[in-house]
C-alpha cells in the first residue's frame, strides 16, 4: 500500500485548509479534486457518508474526515511543524477552543447559508435564511477580531488556525469586508498569503487571484 496520503477535495472549499496543513507538515500527498457540481459524488459518498470534503485517506487505508479532526491528527503525528500547540503550551486551551468554535459556530453559517434551498421549502424562506446566516457570520468574525491581541490567532506564533482564517476569509463576506471591518483578521490572512507555498495553494484553489 502506498505511504502517500490522498486528499479528497473541491477547489475553494475547506479542503484548501488541509492542503495547506499537509504542505506545512512536509507530507507527500495526492489531491483528488471533485467539482462542486459533482457533490455529493458516489465515490465520495463511499468514503464519507455525508458526501462532504475534505476527506483524507491515510497510508493504512483508513479515512479521516472533518477538518478539525484532520488538523489535530496532523498536529499529533507531526508535532515539530507547529500546527497545533503541544499539551503544555500556554496557548493550547485557547487553540482548542478557537478550533472548535470555527467549525461549530462559523462553518454552519456557510453550510446553511450557501445553499438555503436545501433546508427550507420556499424562496422567501431561503432568502431569509441566507440573510440571517450572513449576519451571524459577520457577528462571529467581529467577536474573534475583538479577542485578538497578537500578530496571529494564538499570539506570536503561526498555527493551523491562521490557515483557517486565510481560507475562510476568502468566503462570504469576502476579503474586502475583512479589510474594512476586521483588520486584524485581514492582516493575518495577508501574512499567510505571502508565504510562498501557501499562496500557491490558495491560488490553486481560486481563493486568490492568479
Protein backbone atom coordinates (compact mmCIF):
# COMPACT_ATOMS: atom_id res chain seq x y z
CA UNK A 1 0.00 0.00 0.00
CA UNK A 2 1.26 3.48 -0.88
CA UNK A 3 2.53 5.58 2.01
CA UNK A 4 1.26 8.71 0.23
CA UNK A 5 -1.79 10.43 1.66
CA UNK A 6 -4.77 11.08 -0.62
CA UNK A 7 -6.87 14.18 -0.06
CA UNK A 8 -10.38 14.30 -1.50
CA UNK A 9 -11.07 17.95 -2.18
CA UNK A 10 -13.01 20.62 -4.04
CA UNK A 11 -11.36 23.84 -5.11
CA UNK A 12 -12.06 26.75 -2.82
CA UNK A 13 -13.56 24.66 -0.04
CA UNK A 14 -12.39 23.63 3.40
CA UNK A 15 -10.09 21.08 1.82
CA UNK A 16 -7.79 24.00 0.93
CA UNK A 17 -7.07 24.26 4.66
CA UNK A 18 -5.96 20.63 4.73
CA UNK A 19 -3.83 21.08 1.59
CA UNK A 20 -2.00 23.92 3.33
CA UNK A 21 -1.57 21.98 6.58
CA UNK A 22 -0.22 18.91 4.78
CA UNK A 23 2.26 21.15 2.99
CA UNK A 24 3.38 22.80 6.22
CA UNK A 25 3.78 19.35 7.76
CA UNK A 26 6.10 18.41 4.88
CA UNK A 27 3.96 15.48 3.78
CA UNK A 28 3.65 13.97 0.32
CA UNK A 29 0.05 13.79 -0.79
CA UNK A 30 -2.15 13.44 -3.83
CA UNK A 31 -5.26 15.55 -4.33
CA UNK A 32 -8.40 14.14 -5.91
CA UNK A 33 -10.48 17.17 -6.85
CA UNK A 34 -14.24 16.99 -7.28
CA UNK A 35 -16.19 19.77 -8.93
CA UNK A 36 -18.86 21.33 -6.74
CA UNK A 37 -21.43 20.22 -9.31
CA UNK A 38 -20.39 16.59 -8.68
CA UNK A 39 -21.08 16.72 -4.96
CA UNK A 40 -22.27 14.56 -3.37
CA UNK A 41 -20.43 12.15 -5.68
CA UNK A 42 -20.85 8.36 -5.44
CA UNK A 43 -17.11 7.88 -4.98
CA UNK A 44 -17.04 10.43 -2.19
CA UNK A 45 -20.16 9.01 -0.53
CA UNK A 46 -18.40 5.65 -0.35
CA UNK A 47 -15.61 7.36 1.58
CA UNK A 48 -17.62 9.84 3.64
CA UNK A 49 -21.35 9.10 4.12
CA UNK A 50 -22.00 12.85 4.38
CA UNK A 51 -20.63 13.28 0.85
CA UNK A 52 -18.55 16.23 2.02
CA UNK A 53 -14.97 17.35 1.61
CA UNK A 54 -12.32 17.20 2.92
CA UNK A 55 -11.61 13.52 3.42
CA UNK A 56 -8.10 12.18 3.89
CA UNK A 57 -7.08 8.61 3.08
CA UNK A 58 -4.24 7.64 5.39
CA UNK A 59 -1.36 5.36 4.46
CA UNK A 60 -3.06 2.40 6.15
CA UNK A 61 -6.24 2.95 4.12
CA UNK A 62 -8.21 4.49 6.97
CA UNK A 63 -10.36 7.51 6.08
CA UNK A 64 -10.25 10.61 8.23
CA UNK A 65 -12.91 13.29 7.76
CA UNK A 66 -13.70 16.67 9.38
CA UNK A 67 -11.21 19.50 9.06
CA UNK A 68 -10.73 19.88 12.81
CA UNK A 69 -10.08 16.15 13.25
CA UNK A 70 -7.54 16.17 10.42
CA UNK A 71 -5.87 19.22 11.96
CA UNK A 72 -5.48 17.53 15.34
CA UNK A 73 -4.27 14.29 13.73
CA UNK A 74 -1.58 16.18 11.83
CA UNK A 75 -0.59 18.06 14.98
CA UNK A 76 -0.18 14.80 16.90
CA UNK A 77 1.58 12.99 14.07
CA UNK A 78 3.96 15.81 13.14
CA UNK A 79 4.40 17.94 16.28
CA UNK A 80 7.58 19.65 15.10
CA UNK A 81 5.74 21.55 12.36
CA UNK A 82 3.98 23.73 14.95
CA UNK A 83 0.47 23.39 13.56
CA UNK A 84 -1.03 22.60 16.98
CA UNK A 85 0.41 23.86 20.28
CA UNK A 86 1.63 20.96 22.46
CA UNK A 87 -0.24 19.95 25.60
CA UNK A 88 1.98 22.01 27.90
CA UNK A 89 1.89 25.16 25.75
CA UNK A 90 0.26 28.25 27.28
CA UNK A 91 -1.87 28.68 24.14
CA UNK A 92 -3.11 25.07 23.96
CA UNK A 93 -6.52 25.68 25.57
CA UNK A 94 -7.04 28.83 23.52
CA UNK A 95 -6.16 26.94 20.34
CA UNK A 96 -8.59 24.09 21.05
CA UNK A 97 -11.42 26.45 21.96
CA UNK A 98 -10.99 28.51 18.81
CA UNK A 99 -10.59 25.48 16.57
CA UNK A 100 -13.88 24.01 17.75
CA UNK A 101 -15.51 27.45 17.64
CA UNK A 102 -14.55 27.89 13.99
CA UNK A 103 -16.05 24.57 12.90
CA UNK A 104 -19.03 24.54 15.28
CA UNK A 105 -20.08 28.20 15.09
CA UNK A 106 -18.71 29.75 11.89
CA UNK A 107 -18.76 26.78 9.49
CA UNK A 108 -22.54 26.23 9.81
CA UNK A 109 -23.22 29.74 8.52
CA UNK A 110 -21.84 28.53 5.19
CA UNK A 111 -23.44 25.08 5.37
CA UNK A 112 -26.90 26.62 5.67
CA UNK A 113 -26.34 29.98 4.03
CA UNK A 114 -24.64 28.89 0.81
CA UNK A 115 -27.49 26.56 -0.18
CA UNK A 116 -30.53 27.61 1.86
CA UNK A 117 -32.87 25.96 -0.64
CA UNK A 118 -31.75 22.59 0.73
CA UNK A 119 -33.19 23.41 4.14
CA UNK A 120 -36.37 25.43 3.51
CA UNK A 121 -39.29 24.85 1.17
CA UNK A 122 -39.80 28.26 -0.46
CA UNK A 123 -37.85 31.14 -1.96
CA UNK A 124 -38.71 33.62 0.78
CA UNK A 125 -37.55 31.24 3.48
CA UNK A 126 -34.32 30.65 1.55
CA UNK A 127 -33.75 34.39 1.27
CA UNK A 128 -34.30 34.91 4.99
CA UNK A 129 -32.00 32.02 5.90
CA UNK A 130 -29.28 33.38 3.63
CA UNK A 131 -29.56 36.84 5.20
CA UNK A 132 -29.63 35.59 8.78
CA UNK A 133 -26.61 33.32 8.33
CA UNK A 134 -24.72 36.18 6.67
CA UNK A 135 -25.43 38.42 9.65
CA UNK A 136 -24.47 35.68 12.08
CA UNK A 137 -21.21 35.04 10.23
CA UNK A 138 -20.24 38.69 10.41
CA UNK A 139 -21.13 38.85 14.10
CA UNK A 140 -18.89 35.86 14.84
CA UNK A 141 -15.92 37.25 12.94
CA UNK A 142 -16.25 40.55 14.80
CA UNK A 143 -16.25 38.60 18.06
CA UNK A 144 -12.96 36.90 17.18
CA UNK A 145 -11.48 40.18 15.96
CA UNK A 146 -12.19 41.77 19.35
CA UNK A 147 -10.42 38.92 21.16
CA UNK A 148 -7.14 39.03 19.23
CA UNK A 149 -4.11 40.51 20.95
CA UNK A 150 -1.18 39.31 18.85
CA UNK A 151 0.02 39.07 15.26
CA UNK A 152 -1.52 35.58 14.89
CA UNK A 153 -4.73 34.00 16.15
CA UNK A 154 -2.87 32.38 19.06
CA UNK A 155 -0.35 35.03 19.99
CA UNK A 156 3.12 35.33 18.48
CA UNK A 157 3.35 32.03 16.60
CA UNK A 158 1.50 30.92 13.49
CA UNK A 159 -0.68 27.83 13.97
CA UNK A 160 -3.24 25.93 11.93
CA UNK A 161 -5.87 28.47 12.99
CA UNK A 162 -4.23 31.12 10.83
CA UNK A 163 -4.69 28.86 7.81
CA UNK A 164 -8.37 28.56 8.69
CA UNK A 165 -8.62 32.36 8.77
CA UNK A 166 -6.83 32.79 5.43
CA UNK A 167 -9.14 30.34 3.67
CA UNK A 168 -12.40 31.23 5.40
CA UNK A 169 -11.91 34.98 4.97
CA UNK A 170 -11.97 34.34 1.22
CA UNK A 171 -15.55 33.08 1.57
CA UNK A 172 -18.55 35.28 2.33
CA UNK A 173 -18.41 38.15 3.26
CA UNK A 174 -15.05 38.19 1.39
CA UNK A 175 -11.70 39.81 1.99
CA UNK A 176 -12.90 43.34 1.21
CA UNK A 177 -15.27 43.16 4.18
CA UNK A 178 -12.49 41.88 6.44
CA UNK A 179 -10.18 44.70 5.39
CA UNK A 180 -12.84 47.18 6.43
CA UNK A 181 -14.47 45.51 9.45
CA UNK A 182 -11.87 43.08 10.86
CA UNK A 183 -8.42 44.49 10.05
CA UNK A 184 -6.54 42.19 12.45
CA UNK A 185 -8.01 39.09 10.83
CA UNK A 186 -7.37 40.58 7.40
CA UNK A 187 -3.72 41.17 8.31
CA UNK A 188 -3.37 37.53 9.43
CA UNK A 189 -4.83 36.32 6.14
CA UNK A 190 -2.46 38.52 4.16
CA UNK A 191 0.55 37.23 6.09
CA UNK A 192 -0.48 33.68 5.21
CA UNK A 193 -0.96 34.69 1.56
CA UNK A 194 2.61 35.93 1.44
CA UNK A 195 4.12 32.58 2.46
CA UNK A 196 5.04 31.34 -1.00
CA UNK A 197 3.91 27.72 -0.72
CA UNK A 198 0.64 28.71 0.96
CA UNK A 199 -0.08 31.48 -1.52
CA UNK A 200 0.30 28.92 -4.31
CA UNK A 201 -2.25 26.64 -2.66
CA UNK A 202 -4.72 29.50 -2.21
CA UNK A 203 -4.33 30.49 -5.86
CA UNK A 204 -4.72 26.88 -7.00
CA UNK A 205 -7.95 26.80 -5.02
CA UNK A 206 -9.13 30.02 -6.68
CA UNK A 207 -9.16 31.83 -3.33
CA UNK A 208 -6.62 34.41 -4.52
CA UNK A 209 -6.15 35.95 -7.97
CA UNK A 210 -3.67 34.07 -10.15
